[in-house]
């Protein structure tokens, strides 16, 4: 059963896996392709953006407000990570996915359905496992990729 504790344990206890150069390139290409559809709607900010604020901003201005705070990632450049955040938030808005575990799992599933097979494990780790770990432990964990 997919619950926060099980998925969080997979992430927290899971061995960090370094993606291959091909997987990094595939992820970056997927991000660039997906981002090209929404770029005109995105406003980046260096401030933290909570889900309620993001939704208010979207409802008020038809713009997606995306935070670049804490944007360092062990495998992608900051601009790639920022674009990925925008894509993820866009999926939440367009899919009506909530910001608790069920919504994060839906967002992960949707992202995976749009991606090549070779990077789906990355999306699962980046979205579902990280979210479950944050929800279960109450804090965002050190970023890594876990293949399950």
N, C-alpha and C. Protein backbone atom coordinates (compact mmCIF):
# COMPACT_ATOMS: atom_id res chain seq x y z
N UNK A 1 0.83 -1.18 0.00
CA UNK A 1 0.00 0.00 0.00
C UNK A 1 0.88 1.25 0.00
N UNK A 2 0.51 2.23 -0.81
CA UNK A 2 1.28 3.47 -0.87
C UNK A 2 0.80 4.43 0.20
N UNK A 3 1.57 4.53 1.28
CA UNK A 3 1.26 5.49 2.32
C UNK A 3 2.51 6.31 2.61
N UNK A 4 2.35 7.40 3.30
CA UNK A 4 3.47 8.32 3.53
C UNK A 4 4.62 7.63 4.25
N UNK A 5 4.31 6.80 5.23
CA UNK A 5 5.39 6.16 5.99
C UNK A 5 6.21 5.22 5.11
N UNK A 6 5.54 4.40 4.32
CA UNK A 6 6.24 3.45 3.44
C UNK A 6 7.10 4.19 2.42
N UNK A 7 6.53 5.18 1.76
CA UNK A 7 7.27 5.92 0.74
C UNK A 7 8.39 6.76 1.36
N UNK A 8 8.12 7.34 2.52
CA UNK A 8 9.16 8.12 3.21
C UNK A 8 10.34 7.23 3.58
N UNK A 9 10.05 6.05 4.06
CA UNK A 9 11.12 5.10 4.41
C UNK A 9 11.95 4.75 3.19
N UNK A 10 11.29 4.54 2.06
CA UNK A 10 12.02 4.25 0.82
C UNK A 10 12.98 5.39 0.48
N UNK A 11 12.51 6.62 0.70
CA UNK A 11 13.35 7.77 0.37
C UNK A 11 14.46 7.98 1.40
N UNK A 12 14.08 8.05 2.66
CA UNK A 12 15.05 8.36 3.71
C UNK A 12 16.10 7.27 3.83
N UNK A 13 15.68 6.01 3.78
CA UNK A 13 16.62 4.89 3.95
C UNK A 13 17.22 4.43 2.63
N UNK A 14 16.67 4.90 1.53
CA UNK A 14 17.13 4.44 0.23
C UNK A 14 18.51 4.96 -0.12
N UNK A 15 19.22 4.14 -0.85
CA UNK A 15 20.56 4.50 -1.31
C UNK A 15 20.43 5.56 -2.41
N UNK A 16 21.23 6.62 -2.29
CA UNK A 16 21.26 7.65 -3.32
C UNK A 16 21.84 7.05 -4.60
N UNK A 17 21.15 7.28 -5.69
CA UNK A 17 21.57 6.76 -6.99
C UNK A 17 21.91 7.93 -7.89
N UNK A 18 23.07 7.87 -8.49
CA UNK A 18 23.47 8.91 -9.42
C UNK A 18 22.93 8.57 -10.80
N UNK A 19 22.17 9.48 -11.39
CA UNK A 19 21.65 9.18 -12.73
C UNK A 19 22.78 9.18 -13.76
N UNK A 20 22.58 8.42 -14.80
CA UNK A 20 23.56 8.40 -15.88
C UNK A 20 23.51 9.71 -16.64
N UNK A 21 24.52 9.99 -17.41
CA UNK A 21 24.52 11.20 -18.24
C UNK A 21 23.33 11.17 -19.20
N UNK A 22 23.01 10.00 -19.71
CA UNK A 22 21.86 9.87 -20.62
C UNK A 22 20.56 10.22 -19.90
N UNK A 23 20.43 9.77 -18.64
CA UNK A 23 19.23 10.08 -17.86
C UNK A 23 19.15 11.58 -17.53
N UNK A 24 20.29 12.18 -17.20
CA UNK A 24 20.31 13.61 -16.93
C UNK A 24 19.92 14.39 -18.18
N UNK A 25 20.46 13.99 -19.32
CA UNK A 25 20.11 14.65 -20.58
C UNK A 25 18.63 14.44 -20.91
N UNK A 26 18.13 13.22 -20.68
CA UNK A 26 16.72 12.93 -20.93
C UNK A 26 15.81 13.75 -20.03
N UNK A 27 16.19 13.88 -18.76
CA UNK A 27 15.41 14.69 -17.83
C UNK A 27 15.40 16.15 -18.27
N UNK A 28 16.58 16.67 -18.59
CA UNK A 28 16.69 18.07 -19.02
C UNK A 28 15.89 18.33 -20.29
N UNK A 29 15.93 17.41 -21.23
CA UNK A 29 15.15 17.56 -22.46
C UNK A 29 13.65 17.54 -22.17
N UNK A 30 13.23 16.63 -21.29
CA UNK A 30 11.82 16.56 -20.91
C UNK A 30 11.40 17.87 -20.25
N UNK A 31 12.21 18.38 -19.31
CA UNK A 31 11.91 19.64 -18.64
C UNK A 31 11.78 20.77 -19.66
N UNK A 32 12.75 20.89 -20.55
CA UNK A 32 12.70 21.96 -21.55
C UNK A 32 11.46 21.86 -22.43
N UNK A 33 11.11 20.65 -22.82
CA UNK A 33 9.93 20.45 -23.66
C UNK A 33 8.66 20.82 -22.92
N UNK A 34 8.50 20.33 -21.71
CA UNK A 34 7.31 20.63 -20.92
C UNK A 34 7.22 22.12 -20.58
N UNK A 35 8.36 22.70 -20.24
CA UNK A 35 8.38 24.11 -19.85
C UNK A 35 8.01 25.03 -21.01
N UNK A 36 8.33 24.61 -22.21
CA UNK A 36 8.04 25.46 -23.38
C UNK A 36 6.54 25.74 -23.51
N UNK A 37 5.69 24.86 -22.99
CA UNK A 37 4.24 25.05 -23.06
C UNK A 37 3.72 26.06 -22.05
N UNK A 38 4.48 26.26 -20.94
CA UNK A 38 3.96 27.10 -19.85
C UNK A 38 4.81 28.33 -19.59
N UNK A 39 5.92 28.46 -20.25
CA UNK A 39 6.88 29.53 -19.97
C UNK A 39 6.22 30.91 -19.88
N UNK A 40 5.28 31.17 -20.76
CA UNK A 40 4.66 32.51 -20.79
C UNK A 40 3.79 32.79 -19.57
N UNK A 41 3.50 31.78 -18.76
CA UNK A 41 2.65 31.95 -17.57
C UNK A 41 3.44 32.00 -16.27
N UNK A 42 4.76 31.86 -16.33
CA UNK A 42 5.56 31.66 -15.12
C UNK A 42 6.24 32.94 -14.66
N UNK A 43 6.12 33.22 -13.38
CA UNK A 43 6.86 34.30 -12.71
C UNK A 43 7.69 33.65 -11.60
N UNK A 44 8.99 33.75 -11.71
CA UNK A 44 9.87 33.22 -10.67
C UNK A 44 10.11 34.28 -9.60
N UNK A 45 10.25 33.82 -8.37
CA UNK A 45 10.56 34.70 -7.25
C UNK A 45 11.58 34.00 -6.36
N UNK A 46 12.43 34.78 -5.72
CA UNK A 46 13.42 34.20 -4.81
C UNK A 46 12.82 33.90 -3.44
N UNK A 47 11.58 34.30 -3.23
CA UNK A 47 10.90 34.08 -1.95
C UNK A 47 10.22 32.71 -1.94
N UNK A 48 10.03 32.18 -0.75
CA UNK A 48 9.25 30.95 -0.59
C UNK A 48 7.82 31.21 -1.08
N UNK A 49 7.22 30.23 -1.72
CA UNK A 49 5.83 30.34 -2.17
C UNK A 49 5.08 29.12 -1.65
N UNK A 50 4.15 29.36 -0.75
CA UNK A 50 3.32 28.28 -0.21
C UNK A 50 2.20 27.95 -1.21
N UNK A 51 1.67 26.74 -1.16
CA UNK A 51 0.60 26.37 -2.11
C UNK A 51 -0.58 27.34 -2.13
N UNK A 52 -1.02 27.81 -0.98
CA UNK A 52 -2.15 28.74 -0.96
C UNK A 52 -1.84 30.03 -1.71
N UNK A 53 -0.62 30.53 -1.54
CA UNK A 53 -0.21 31.74 -2.25
C UNK A 53 -0.14 31.49 -3.75
N UNK A 54 0.41 30.34 -4.12
CA UNK A 54 0.52 30.00 -5.54
C UNK A 54 -0.87 29.96 -6.18
N UNK A 55 -1.81 29.32 -5.50
CA UNK A 55 -3.17 29.21 -6.02
C UNK A 55 -3.84 30.58 -6.08
N UNK A 56 -3.66 31.40 -5.07
CA UNK A 56 -4.22 32.76 -5.08
C UNK A 56 -3.66 33.55 -6.25
N UNK A 57 -2.35 33.46 -6.45
CA UNK A 57 -1.68 34.20 -7.53
C UNK A 57 -2.23 33.74 -8.89
N UNK A 58 -2.40 32.43 -9.03
CA UNK A 58 -2.95 31.91 -10.28
C UNK A 58 -4.38 32.42 -10.50
N UNK A 59 -5.19 32.32 -9.47
CA UNK A 59 -6.59 32.76 -9.57
C UNK A 59 -6.68 34.27 -9.82
N UNK A 60 -5.77 35.03 -9.26
CA UNK A 60 -5.81 36.49 -9.37
C UNK A 60 -5.23 37.02 -10.67
N UNK A 61 -4.15 36.41 -11.14
CA UNK A 61 -3.41 36.97 -12.27
C UNK A 61 -3.23 36.01 -13.45
N UNK A 62 -3.70 34.78 -13.33
CA UNK A 62 -3.47 33.74 -14.35
C UNK A 62 -1.97 33.61 -14.63
N UNK A 63 -1.20 33.70 -13.56
CA UNK A 63 0.26 33.56 -13.62
C UNK A 63 0.66 32.54 -12.57
N UNK A 64 1.69 31.81 -12.88
CA UNK A 64 2.20 30.79 -11.97
C UNK A 64 3.40 31.36 -11.23
N UNK A 65 3.28 31.56 -9.93
CA UNK A 65 4.37 32.10 -9.12
C UNK A 65 5.16 30.92 -8.55
N UNK A 66 6.45 30.87 -8.90
CA UNK A 66 7.29 29.72 -8.56
C UNK A 66 8.53 30.21 -7.83
N UNK A 67 8.83 29.56 -6.71
CA UNK A 67 9.99 29.92 -5.90
C UNK A 67 11.28 29.32 -6.45
N UNK A 68 12.33 30.14 -6.40
CA UNK A 68 13.67 29.63 -6.71
C UNK A 68 14.51 29.53 -5.43
N UNK A 69 13.88 29.72 -4.28
CA UNK A 69 14.60 29.58 -3.01
C UNK A 69 15.03 28.12 -2.83
N UNK A 70 16.18 27.93 -2.26
CA UNK A 70 16.71 26.58 -2.00
C UNK A 70 16.70 25.75 -3.30
N UNK A 71 17.21 26.30 -4.34
CA UNK A 71 17.10 25.71 -5.67
C UNK A 71 18.28 24.83 -6.06
N UNK A 72 19.23 24.68 -5.16
CA UNK A 72 20.39 23.83 -5.48
C UNK A 72 19.94 22.38 -5.59
N UNK A 73 20.50 21.69 -6.55
CA UNK A 73 20.19 20.28 -6.76
C UNK A 73 21.49 19.55 -7.08
N UNK A 74 21.64 18.33 -6.60
CA UNK A 74 22.90 17.62 -6.84
C UNK A 74 23.14 17.24 -8.31
N UNK A 75 22.10 17.24 -9.15
CA UNK A 75 22.31 16.75 -10.52
C UNK A 75 21.91 17.71 -11.62
N UNK A 76 21.02 18.67 -11.38
CA UNK A 76 20.65 19.59 -12.45
C UNK A 76 21.01 21.01 -12.07
N UNK A 77 21.20 21.79 -13.12
CA UNK A 77 21.49 23.21 -12.95
C UNK A 77 20.29 23.91 -12.31
N UNK A 78 20.53 25.02 -11.62
CA UNK A 78 19.43 25.74 -10.98
C UNK A 78 18.29 26.11 -11.93
N UNK A 79 18.60 26.48 -13.16
CA UNK A 79 17.52 26.84 -14.08
C UNK A 79 16.66 25.64 -14.45
N UNK A 80 17.28 24.48 -14.56
CA UNK A 80 16.52 23.25 -14.85
C UNK A 80 15.63 22.91 -13.67
N UNK A 81 16.16 23.02 -12.46
CA UNK A 81 15.37 22.72 -11.27
C UNK A 81 14.21 23.70 -11.12
N UNK A 82 14.45 24.97 -11.41
CA UNK A 82 13.37 25.97 -11.33
C UNK A 82 12.27 25.66 -12.35
N UNK A 83 12.66 25.31 -13.56
CA UNK A 83 11.67 24.95 -14.58
C UNK A 83 10.89 23.71 -14.15
N UNK A 84 11.59 22.74 -13.56
CA UNK A 84 10.93 21.53 -13.08
C UNK A 84 9.89 21.87 -12.00
N UNK A 85 10.24 22.78 -11.10
CA UNK A 85 9.29 23.21 -10.08
C UNK A 85 8.05 23.82 -10.74
N UNK A 86 8.28 24.64 -11.77
CA UNK A 86 7.16 25.27 -12.47
C UNK A 86 6.26 24.21 -13.10
N UNK A 87 6.86 23.23 -13.74
CA UNK A 87 6.10 22.15 -14.38
C UNK A 87 5.28 21.41 -13.32
N UNK A 88 5.92 21.08 -12.22
CA UNK A 88 5.24 20.36 -11.14
C UNK A 88 4.06 21.16 -10.60
N UNK A 89 4.27 22.45 -10.36
CA UNK A 89 3.18 23.29 -9.86
C UNK A 89 2.07 23.41 -10.90
N UNK A 90 2.44 23.51 -12.16
CA UNK A 90 1.46 23.56 -13.25
C UNK A 90 0.60 22.30 -13.24
N UNK A 91 1.24 21.16 -13.05
CA UNK A 91 0.49 19.91 -13.00
C UNK A 91 -0.51 19.93 -11.84
N UNK A 92 -0.10 20.46 -10.69
CA UNK A 92 -1.03 20.58 -9.56
C UNK A 92 -2.24 21.42 -9.94
N UNK A 93 -2.00 22.56 -10.54
CA UNK A 93 -3.10 23.47 -10.89
C UNK A 93 -3.97 22.86 -11.97
N UNK A 94 -3.39 22.41 -13.05
CA UNK A 94 -4.17 21.92 -14.18
C UNK A 94 -4.91 20.62 -13.85
N UNK A 95 -4.30 19.79 -13.02
CA UNK A 95 -4.93 18.53 -12.65
C UNK A 95 -5.85 18.63 -11.45
N UNK A 96 -5.81 19.78 -10.76
CA UNK A 96 -6.59 19.92 -9.54
C UNK A 96 -6.07 19.02 -8.43
N UNK A 97 -4.78 18.70 -8.49
CA UNK A 97 -4.18 17.80 -7.50
C UNK A 97 -3.87 18.58 -6.23
N UNK A 98 -4.26 18.05 -5.10
CA UNK A 98 -3.99 18.68 -3.81
C UNK A 98 -2.51 18.61 -3.46
N UNK A 99 -2.20 19.11 -2.28
CA UNK A 99 -0.80 19.21 -1.86
C UNK A 99 -0.46 18.27 -0.71
N UNK A 100 -1.34 17.30 -0.49
CA UNK A 100 -1.04 16.24 0.47
C UNK A 100 -0.62 15.02 -0.32
N UNK A 101 -0.44 13.91 0.32
CA UNK A 101 0.14 12.74 -0.35
C UNK A 101 -0.64 12.32 -1.59
N UNK A 102 -1.94 12.22 -1.50
CA UNK A 102 -2.71 11.76 -2.66
C UNK A 102 -2.50 12.67 -3.86
N UNK A 103 -2.49 13.98 -3.64
CA UNK A 103 -2.27 14.92 -4.73
C UNK A 103 -0.87 14.83 -5.30
N UNK A 104 0.10 14.63 -4.43
CA UNK A 104 1.48 14.48 -4.91
C UNK A 104 1.64 13.20 -5.73
N UNK A 105 0.98 12.14 -5.29
CA UNK A 105 1.04 10.89 -6.06
C UNK A 105 0.38 11.07 -7.42
N UNK A 106 -0.73 11.79 -7.47
CA UNK A 106 -1.38 12.08 -8.75
C UNK A 106 -0.47 12.92 -9.64
N UNK A 107 0.16 13.93 -9.06
CA UNK A 107 1.07 14.78 -9.83
C UNK A 107 2.25 13.97 -10.35
N UNK A 108 2.76 13.07 -9.52
CA UNK A 108 3.87 12.21 -9.97
C UNK A 108 3.42 11.31 -11.11
N UNK A 109 2.26 10.70 -10.95
CA UNK A 109 1.74 9.83 -12.01
C UNK A 109 1.52 10.57 -13.30
N UNK A 110 0.98 11.79 -13.20
CA UNK A 110 0.77 12.56 -14.43
C UNK A 110 2.09 12.90 -15.09
N UNK A 111 3.05 13.40 -14.31
CA UNK A 111 4.37 13.74 -14.88
C UNK A 111 4.99 12.51 -15.54
N UNK A 112 4.91 11.38 -14.88
CA UNK A 112 5.49 10.16 -15.43
C UNK A 112 4.80 9.76 -16.74
N UNK A 113 3.50 10.02 -16.85
CA UNK A 113 2.78 9.65 -18.07
C UNK A 113 3.21 10.49 -19.27
N UNK A 114 3.85 11.62 -19.03
CA UNK A 114 4.30 12.50 -20.11
C UNK A 114 5.78 12.33 -20.43
N UNK A 115 6.46 11.47 -19.68
CA UNK A 115 7.92 11.37 -19.77
C UNK A 115 8.36 10.05 -20.39
N UNK A 116 9.56 10.05 -20.96
CA UNK A 116 10.11 8.78 -21.45
C UNK A 116 10.35 7.81 -20.29
N UNK A 117 10.24 6.55 -20.59
CA UNK A 117 10.43 5.49 -19.58
C UNK A 117 11.74 5.66 -18.81
N UNK A 118 12.79 6.08 -19.48
CA UNK A 118 14.12 6.14 -18.86
C UNK A 118 14.22 7.13 -17.70
N UNK A 119 13.30 8.09 -17.61
CA UNK A 119 13.39 9.06 -16.50
C UNK A 119 12.22 8.98 -15.53
N UNK A 120 11.34 8.03 -15.73
CA UNK A 120 10.17 7.94 -14.83
C UNK A 120 10.58 7.68 -13.39
N UNK A 121 11.63 6.89 -13.19
CA UNK A 121 12.09 6.63 -11.83
C UNK A 121 12.55 7.93 -11.15
N UNK A 122 13.14 8.82 -11.95
CA UNK A 122 13.60 10.11 -11.41
C UNK A 122 12.40 10.93 -10.96
N UNK A 123 11.37 10.97 -11.78
CA UNK A 123 10.17 11.73 -11.43
C UNK A 123 9.50 11.16 -10.18
N UNK A 124 9.46 9.84 -10.08
CA UNK A 124 8.89 9.21 -8.88
C UNK A 124 9.67 9.62 -7.64
N UNK A 125 10.99 9.59 -7.72
CA UNK A 125 11.83 9.98 -6.60
C UNK A 125 11.67 11.46 -6.27
N UNK A 126 11.72 12.31 -7.30
CA UNK A 126 11.66 13.75 -7.12
C UNK A 126 10.31 14.24 -6.60
N UNK A 127 9.25 13.57 -7.00
CA UNK A 127 7.92 14.06 -6.63
C UNK A 127 7.33 13.21 -5.50
N UNK A 128 7.03 11.98 -5.77
CA UNK A 128 6.31 11.14 -4.80
C UNK A 128 7.14 10.85 -3.55
N UNK A 129 8.37 10.38 -3.74
CA UNK A 129 9.16 9.99 -2.57
C UNK A 129 9.57 11.20 -1.73
N UNK A 130 10.02 12.28 -2.38
CA UNK A 130 10.40 13.47 -1.62
C UNK A 130 9.21 14.04 -0.85
N UNK A 131 8.06 14.10 -1.52
CA UNK A 131 6.86 14.64 -0.85
C UNK A 131 6.47 13.76 0.33
N UNK A 132 6.47 12.45 0.14
CA UNK A 132 6.11 11.55 1.24
C UNK A 132 7.06 11.72 2.41
N UNK A 133 8.34 11.86 2.13
CA UNK A 133 9.32 12.05 3.20
C UNK A 133 9.07 13.36 3.94
N UNK A 134 8.78 14.42 3.21
CA UNK A 134 8.51 15.71 3.85
C UNK A 134 7.22 15.66 4.66
N UNK A 135 6.20 15.03 4.12
CA UNK A 135 4.91 14.93 4.82
C UNK A 135 5.07 14.08 6.08
N UNK A 136 5.74 12.95 5.95
CA UNK A 136 5.85 12.02 7.08
C UNK A 136 6.76 12.54 8.19
N UNK A 137 7.88 13.17 7.80
CA UNK A 137 8.85 13.63 8.81
C UNK A 137 8.58 15.06 9.26
N UNK A 138 7.81 15.80 8.46
CA UNK A 138 7.54 17.19 8.79
C UNK A 138 8.61 18.16 8.33
N UNK A 139 9.59 17.66 7.60
CA UNK A 139 10.63 18.55 7.06
C UNK A 139 11.16 18.01 5.74
N UNK A 140 11.59 18.94 4.91
CA UNK A 140 12.15 18.58 3.62
C UNK A 140 13.49 17.89 3.84
N UNK A 141 13.70 16.77 3.22
CA UNK A 141 14.93 16.00 3.38
C UNK A 141 16.01 16.47 2.40
N UNK A 142 17.23 16.12 2.69
CA UNK A 142 18.32 16.40 1.76
C UNK A 142 17.99 15.74 0.43
N UNK A 143 18.18 16.50 -0.64
CA UNK A 143 17.79 15.96 -1.96
C UNK A 143 18.75 14.86 -2.41
N UNK A 144 18.12 13.84 -2.94
CA UNK A 144 18.85 12.74 -3.57
C UNK A 144 17.87 12.06 -4.49
N UNK A 145 18.37 11.15 -5.29
CA UNK A 145 17.52 10.34 -6.14
C UNK A 145 17.58 8.91 -5.64
N UNK A 146 16.41 8.29 -5.53
CA UNK A 146 16.30 6.92 -5.06
C UNK A 146 15.54 6.13 -6.11
N UNK A 147 16.11 5.02 -6.52
CA UNK A 147 15.45 4.16 -7.50
C UNK A 147 14.80 3.01 -6.75
N UNK A 148 13.45 2.91 -6.87
CA UNK A 148 12.73 1.82 -6.21
C UNK A 148 11.99 1.00 -7.24
